[in-house]
Amino acid sequence: MVPILLILLLAIVLFGVGFLWDVLWWIALAVLVIWLLGFFMRGSTAGGGRSRWYRW
């Protein structure tokens, strides 16, 4: 009975990690798109370009 419960627990954990991994990929993609938009839009700001919404 214990090995079956351990295998079930391992399957649940791996399913959760797989789901979380997929969600993290989508979040990383959204952050990359936002960063690229900010990078390309910084040249179009007036006043020397010091009014960026991020600091790097």
PDB file of N, CA and C in Angstrom:
ATOM      1  N   MET A   1       0.820  -1.197   0.000  1.00  0.00           N
ATOM      2  CA  MET A   1       0.000   0.000   0.000  1.00  0.00           C
ATOM      3  C   MET A   1       0.868   1.267   0.000  1.00  0.00           C
ATOM      4  N   VAL A   2       1.954   1.279   0.749  1.00  0.00           N
ATOM      5  CA  VAL A   2       2.819   2.455   0.827  1.00  0.00           C
ATOM      6  C   VAL A   2       3.485   2.761  -0.516  1.00  0.00           C
ATOM      7  N   PRO A   3       4.008   1.758  -1.250  1.00  0.00           N
ATOM      8  CA  PRO A   3       4.602   2.100  -2.558  1.00  0.00           C
ATOM      9  C   PRO A   3       3.584   2.687  -3.538  1.00  0.00           C
ATOM     10  N   ILE A   4       2.356   2.216  -3.491  1.00  0.00           N
ATOM     11  CA  ILE A   4       1.323   2.764  -4.386  1.00  0.00           C
ATOM     12  C   ILE A   4       1.042   4.218  -4.024  1.00  0.00           C
ATOM     13  N   LEU A   5       0.964   4.527  -2.741  1.00  0.00           N
ATOM     14  CA  LEU A   5       0.747   5.910  -2.318  1.00  0.00           C
ATOM     15  C   LEU A   5       1.933   6.799  -2.684  1.00  0.00           C
ATOM     16  N   LEU A   6       3.154   6.277  -2.569  1.00  0.00           N
ATOM     17  CA  LEU A   6       4.331   7.060  -2.954  1.00  0.00           C
ATOM     18  C   LEU A   6       4.352   7.338  -4.448  1.00  0.00           C
ATOM     19  N   ILE A   7       3.969   6.354  -5.245  1.00  0.00           N
ATOM     20  CA  ILE A   7       3.917   6.564  -6.700  1.00  0.00           C
ATOM     21  C   ILE A   7       2.830   7.574  -7.049  1.00  0.00           C
ATOM     22  N   LEU A   8       1.680   7.484  -6.372  1.00  0.00           N
ATOM     23  CA  LEU A   8       0.607   8.450  -6.601  1.00  0.00           C
ATOM     24  C   LEU A   8       1.054   9.857  -6.204  1.00  0.00           C
ATOM     25  N   LEU A   9       1.731   9.967  -5.071  1.00  0.00           N
ATOM     26  CA  LEU A   9       2.243  11.269  -4.630  1.00  0.00           C
ATOM     27  C   LEU A   9       3.277  11.816  -5.613  1.00  0.00           C
ATOM     28  N   LEU A  10       4.150  10.960  -6.112  1.00  0.00           N
ATOM     29  CA  LEU A  10       5.142  11.384  -7.098  1.00  0.00           C
ATOM     30  C   LEU A  10       4.467  11.845  -8.386  1.00  0.00           C
ATOM     31  N   ALA A  11       3.433  11.139  -8.820  1.00  0.00           N
ATOM     32  CA  ALA A  11       2.710  11.543 -10.036  1.00  0.00           C
ATOM     33  C   ALA A  11       2.036  12.896  -9.845  1.00  0.00           C
ATOM     34  N   ILE A  12       1.454  13.116  -8.671  1.00  0.00           N
ATOM     35  CA  ILE A  12       0.801  14.412  -8.407  1.00  0.00           C
ATOM     36  C   ILE A  12       1.832  15.540  -8.385  1.00  0.00           C
ATOM     37  N   VAL A  13       2.976  15.291  -7.748  1.00  0.00           N
ATOM     38  CA  VAL A  13       4.023  16.314  -7.685  1.00  0.00           C
ATOM     39  C   VAL A  13       4.561  16.623  -9.075  1.00  0.00           C
ATOM     40  N   LEU A  14       4.813  15.596  -9.863  1.00  0.00           N
ATOM     41  CA  LEU A  14       5.334  15.824 -11.217  1.00  0.00           C
ATOM     42  C   LEU A  14       4.314  16.535 -12.099  1.00  0.00           C
ATOM     43  N   PHE A  15       3.030  16.216 -11.920  1.00  0.00           N
ATOM     44  CA  PHE A  15       1.995  16.923 -12.673  1.00  0.00           C
ATOM     45  C   PHE A  15       1.967  18.398 -12.283  1.00  0.00           C
ATOM     46  N   GLY A  16       2.082  18.682 -10.982  1.00  0.00           N
ATOM     47  CA  GLY A  16       2.089  20.071 -10.519  1.00  0.00           C
ATOM     48  C   GLY A  16       3.291  20.830 -11.027  1.00  0.00           C
ATOM     49  N   VAL A  17       4.465  20.189 -11.015  1.00  0.00           N
ATOM     50  CA  VAL A  17       5.678  20.839 -11.521  1.00  0.00           C
ATOM     51  C   VAL A  17       5.567  21.093 -13.014  1.00  0.00           C
ATOM     52  N   GLY A  18       5.006  20.150 -13.742  1.00  0.00           N
ATOM     53  CA  GLY A  18       4.826  20.329 -15.186  1.00  0.00           C
ATOM     54  C   GLY A  18       3.887  21.484 -15.499  1.00  0.00           C
ATOM     55  N   PHE A  19       2.803  21.572 -14.744  1.00  0.00           N
ATOM     56  CA  PHE A  19       1.860  22.674 -14.942  1.00  0.00           C
ATOM     57  C   PHE A  19       2.510  24.002 -14.587  1.00  0.00           C
ATOM     58  N   LEU A  20       3.228  24.028 -13.465  1.00  0.00           N
ATOM     59  CA  LEU A  20       3.901  25.252 -13.044  1.00  0.00           C
ATOM     60  C   LEU A  20       4.964  25.663 -14.053  1.00  0.00           C
ATOM     61  N   TRP A  21       5.686  24.694 -14.605  1.00  0.00           N
ATOM     62  CA  TRP A  21       6.715  24.969 -15.594  1.00  0.00           C
ATOM     63  C   TRP A  21       6.103  25.640 -16.818  1.00  0.00           C
ATOM     64  N   ASP A  22       4.950  25.147 -17.260  1.00  0.00           N
ATOM     65  CA  ASP A  22       4.284  25.726 -18.429  1.00  0.00           C
ATOM     66  C   ASP A  22       3.832  27.150 -18.121  1.00  0.00           C
ATOM     67  N   VAL A  23       3.292  27.379 -16.938  1.00  0.00           N
ATOM     68  CA  VAL A  23       2.847  28.722 -16.557  1.00  0.00           C
ATOM     69  C   VAL A  23       4.036  29.673 -16.481  1.00  0.00           C
ATOM     70  N   LEU A  24       5.157  29.197 -15.938  1.00  0.00           N
ATOM     71  CA  LEU A  24       6.338  30.056 -15.837  1.00  0.00           C
ATOM     72  C   LEU A  24       6.876  30.438 -17.214  1.00  0.00           C
ATOM     73  N   TRP A  25       6.783  29.534 -18.187  1.00  0.00           N
ATOM     74  CA  TRP A  25       7.207  29.874 -19.548  1.00  0.00           C
ATOM     75  C   TRP A  25       6.347  30.995 -20.118  1.00  0.00           C
ATOM     76  N   TRP A  26       5.029  30.944 -19.871  1.00  0.00           N
ATOM     77  CA  TRP A  26       4.145  32.002 -20.388  1.00  0.00           C
ATOM     78  C   TRP A  26       4.424  33.333 -19.686  1.00  0.00           C
ATOM     79  N   ILE A  27       4.694  33.296 -18.384  1.00  0.00           N
ATOM     80  CA  ILE A  27       5.024  34.529 -17.655  1.00  0.00           C
ATOM     81  C   ILE A  27       6.339  35.112 -18.164  1.00  0.00           C
ATOM     82  N   ALA A  28       7.327  34.258 -18.400  1.00  0.00           N
ATOM     83  CA  ALA A  28       8.614  34.726 -18.921  1.00  0.00           C
ATOM     84  C   ALA A  28       8.442  35.344 -20.309  1.00  0.00           C
ATOM     85  N   LEU A  29       7.603  34.752 -21.130  1.00  0.00           N
ATOM     86  CA  LEU A  29       7.354  35.309 -22.460  1.00  0.00           C
ATOM     87  C   LEU A  29       6.675  36.669 -22.371  1.00  0.00           C
ATOM     88  N   ALA A  30       5.716  36.822 -21.462  1.00  0.00           N
ATOM     89  CA  ALA A  30       5.043  38.115 -21.292  1.00  0.00           C
ATOM     90  C   ALA A  30       6.013  39.177 -20.797  1.00  0.00           C
ATOM     91  N   VAL A  31       6.898  38.825 -19.855  1.00  0.00           N
ATOM     92  CA  VAL A  31       7.888  39.779 -19.359  1.00  0.00           C
ATOM     93  C   VAL A  31       8.850  40.187 -20.467  1.00  0.00           C
ATOM     94  N   LEU A  32       9.241  39.237 -21.294  1.00  0.00           N
ATOM     95  CA  LEU A  32      10.130  39.547 -22.408  1.00  0.00           C
ATOM     96  C   LEU A  32       9.473  40.511 -23.391  1.00  0.00           C
ATOM     97  N   VAL A  33       8.210  40.298 -23.698  1.00  0.00           N
ATOM     98  CA  VAL A  33       7.501  41.189 -24.624  1.00  0.00           C
ATOM     99  C   VAL A  33       7.394  42.593 -24.031  1.00  0.00           C
ATOM    100  N   ILE A  34       7.076  42.690 -22.740  1.00  0.00           N
ATOM    101  CA  ILE A  34       6.973  44.004 -22.099  1.00  0.00           C
ATOM    102  C   ILE A  34       8.333  44.705 -22.089  1.00  0.00           C
ATOM    103  N   TRP A  35       9.394  43.941 -21.816  1.00  0.00           N
ATOM    104  CA  TRP A  35      10.728  44.535 -21.803  1.00  0.00           C
ATOM    105  C   TRP A  35      11.111  45.024 -23.198  1.00  0.00           C
ATOM    106  N   LEU A  36      10.811  44.229 -24.229  1.00  0.00           N
ATOM    107  CA  LEU A  36      11.137  44.648 -25.590  1.00  0.00           C
ATOM    108  C   LEU A  36      10.356  45.889 -25.995  1.00  0.00           C
ATOM    109  N   LEU A  37       9.085  45.952 -25.620  1.00  0.00           N
ATOM    110  CA  LEU A  37       8.300  47.152 -25.919  1.00  0.00           C
ATOM    111  C   LEU A  37       8.910  48.381 -25.236  1.00  0.00           C
ATOM    112  N   GLY A  38       9.292  48.230 -23.983  1.00  0.00           N
ATOM    113  CA  GLY A  38       9.924  49.345 -23.276  1.00  0.00           C
ATOM    114  C   GLY A  38      11.264  49.724 -23.887  1.00  0.00           C
ATOM    115  N   PHE A  39      12.003  48.731 -24.346  1.00  0.00           N
ATOM    116  CA  PHE A  39      13.311  49.002 -24.951  1.00  0.00           C
ATOM    117  C   PHE A  39      13.173  49.781 -26.246  1.00  0.00           C
ATOM    118  N   PHE A  40      12.195  49.401 -27.084  1.00  0.00           N
ATOM    119  CA  PHE A  40      12.038  50.083 -28.366  1.00  0.00           C
ATOM    120  C   PHE A  40      11.298  51.400 -28.236  1.00  0.00           C
ATOM    121  N   MET A  41      10.484  51.582 -27.201  1.00  0.00           N
ATOM    122  CA  MET A  41       9.739  52.824 -27.054  1.00  0.00           C
ATOM    123  C   MET A  41      10.536  53.885 -26.309  1.00  0.00           C
ATOM    124  N   ARG A  42      11.679  53.531 -25.725  1.00  0.00           N
ATOM    125  CA  ARG A  42      12.444  54.532 -24.983  1.00  0.00           C
ATOM    126  C   ARG A  42      13.066  55.567 -25.897  1.00  0.00           C
ATOM    127  N   GLY A  43      13.323  55.229 -27.150  1.00  0.00           N
ATOM    128  CA  GLY A  43      13.909  56.187 -28.081  1.00  0.00           C
ATOM    129  C   GLY A  43      12.922  57.247 -28.518  1.00  0.00           C
ATOM    130  N   SER A  44      11.635  56.964 -28.383  1.00  0.00           N
ATOM    131  CA  SER A  44      10.632  57.918 -28.843  1.00  0.00           C
ATOM    132  C   SER A  44      10.176  58.864 -27.737  1.00  0.00           C
ATOM    133  N   THR A  45      10.785  58.817 -26.558  1.00  0.00           N
ATOM    134  CA  THR A  45      10.394  59.744 -25.498  1.00  0.00           C
ATOM    135  C   THR A  45      11.094  61.079 -25.684  1.00  0.00           C
ATOM    136  N   ALA A  46      10.402  62.122 -25.394  1.00  0.00           N
ATOM    137  CA  ALA A  46      10.962  63.469 -25.541  1.00  0.00           C
ATOM    138  C   ALA A  46      11.698  63.853 -24.260  1.00  0.00           C
ATOM    139  N   GLY A  47      12.676  64.721 -24.390  1.00  0.00           N
ATOM    140  CA  GLY A  47      13.378  65.232 -23.217  1.00  0.00           C
ATOM    141  C   GLY A  47      14.629  64.462 -22.864  1.00  0.00           C
ATOM    142  N   GLY A  48      15.291  63.907 -23.824  1.00  0.00           N
ATOM    143  CA  GLY A  48      16.555  63.262 -23.554  1.00  0.00           C
ATOM    144  C   GLY A  48      16.471  61.799 -23.185  1.00  0.00           C
ATOM    145  N   GLY A  49      15.299  61.257 -23.062  1.00  0.00           N
ATOM    146  CA  GLY A  49      15.159  59.842 -22.790  1.00  0.00           C
ATOM    147  C   GLY A  49      15.395  59.454 -21.341  1.00  0.00           C
ATOM    148  N   ARG A  50      15.353  60.376 -20.403  1.00  0.00           N
ATOM    149  CA  ARG A  50      15.579  60.030 -18.996  1.00  0.00           C
ATOM    150  C   ARG A  50      14.289  59.602 -18.309  1.00  0.00           C
ATOM    151  N   SER A  51      13.173  59.633 -18.999  1.00  0.00           N
ATOM    152  CA  SER A  51      11.901  59.288 -18.370  1.00  0.00           C
ATOM    153  C   SER A  51      11.535  57.832 -18.675  1.00  0.00           C
ATOM    154  N   ARG A  52      12.457  56.921 -18.412  1.00  0.00           N
ATOM    155  CA  ARG A  52      12.169  55.510 -18.624  1.00  0.00           C
ATOM    156  C   ARG A  52      11.413  54.952 -17.430  1.00  0.00           C
ATOM    157  N   TRP A  53      10.597  53.926 -17.670  1.00  0.00           N
ATOM    158  CA  TRP A  53       9.828  53.328 -16.585  1.00  0.00           C
ATOM    159  C   TRP A  53      10.575  52.177 -15.932  1.00  0.00           C
ATOM    160  N   TYR A  54      11.767  51.894 -16.405  1.00  0.00           N
ATOM    161  CA  TYR A  54      12.630  50.925 -15.733  1.00  0.00           C
ATOM    162  C   TYR A  54      14.036  51.499 -15.692  1.00  0.00           C
ATOM    163  N   ARG A  55      14.932  50.902 -14.889  1.00  0.00           N
ATOM    164  CA  ARG A  55      16.238  51.502 -14.638  1.00  0.00           C
ATOM    165  C   ARG A  55      17.393  50.613 -15.027  1.00  0.00           C
ATOM    166  N   TRP A  56      17.561  50.215 -16.219  1.00  0.00           N
ATOM    167  CA  TRP A  56      18.815  49.542 -16.582  1.00  0.00           C
ATOM    168  C   TRP A  56      19.276  49.911 -17.941  1.00  0.00           C
TER     169      TRP A  56
END
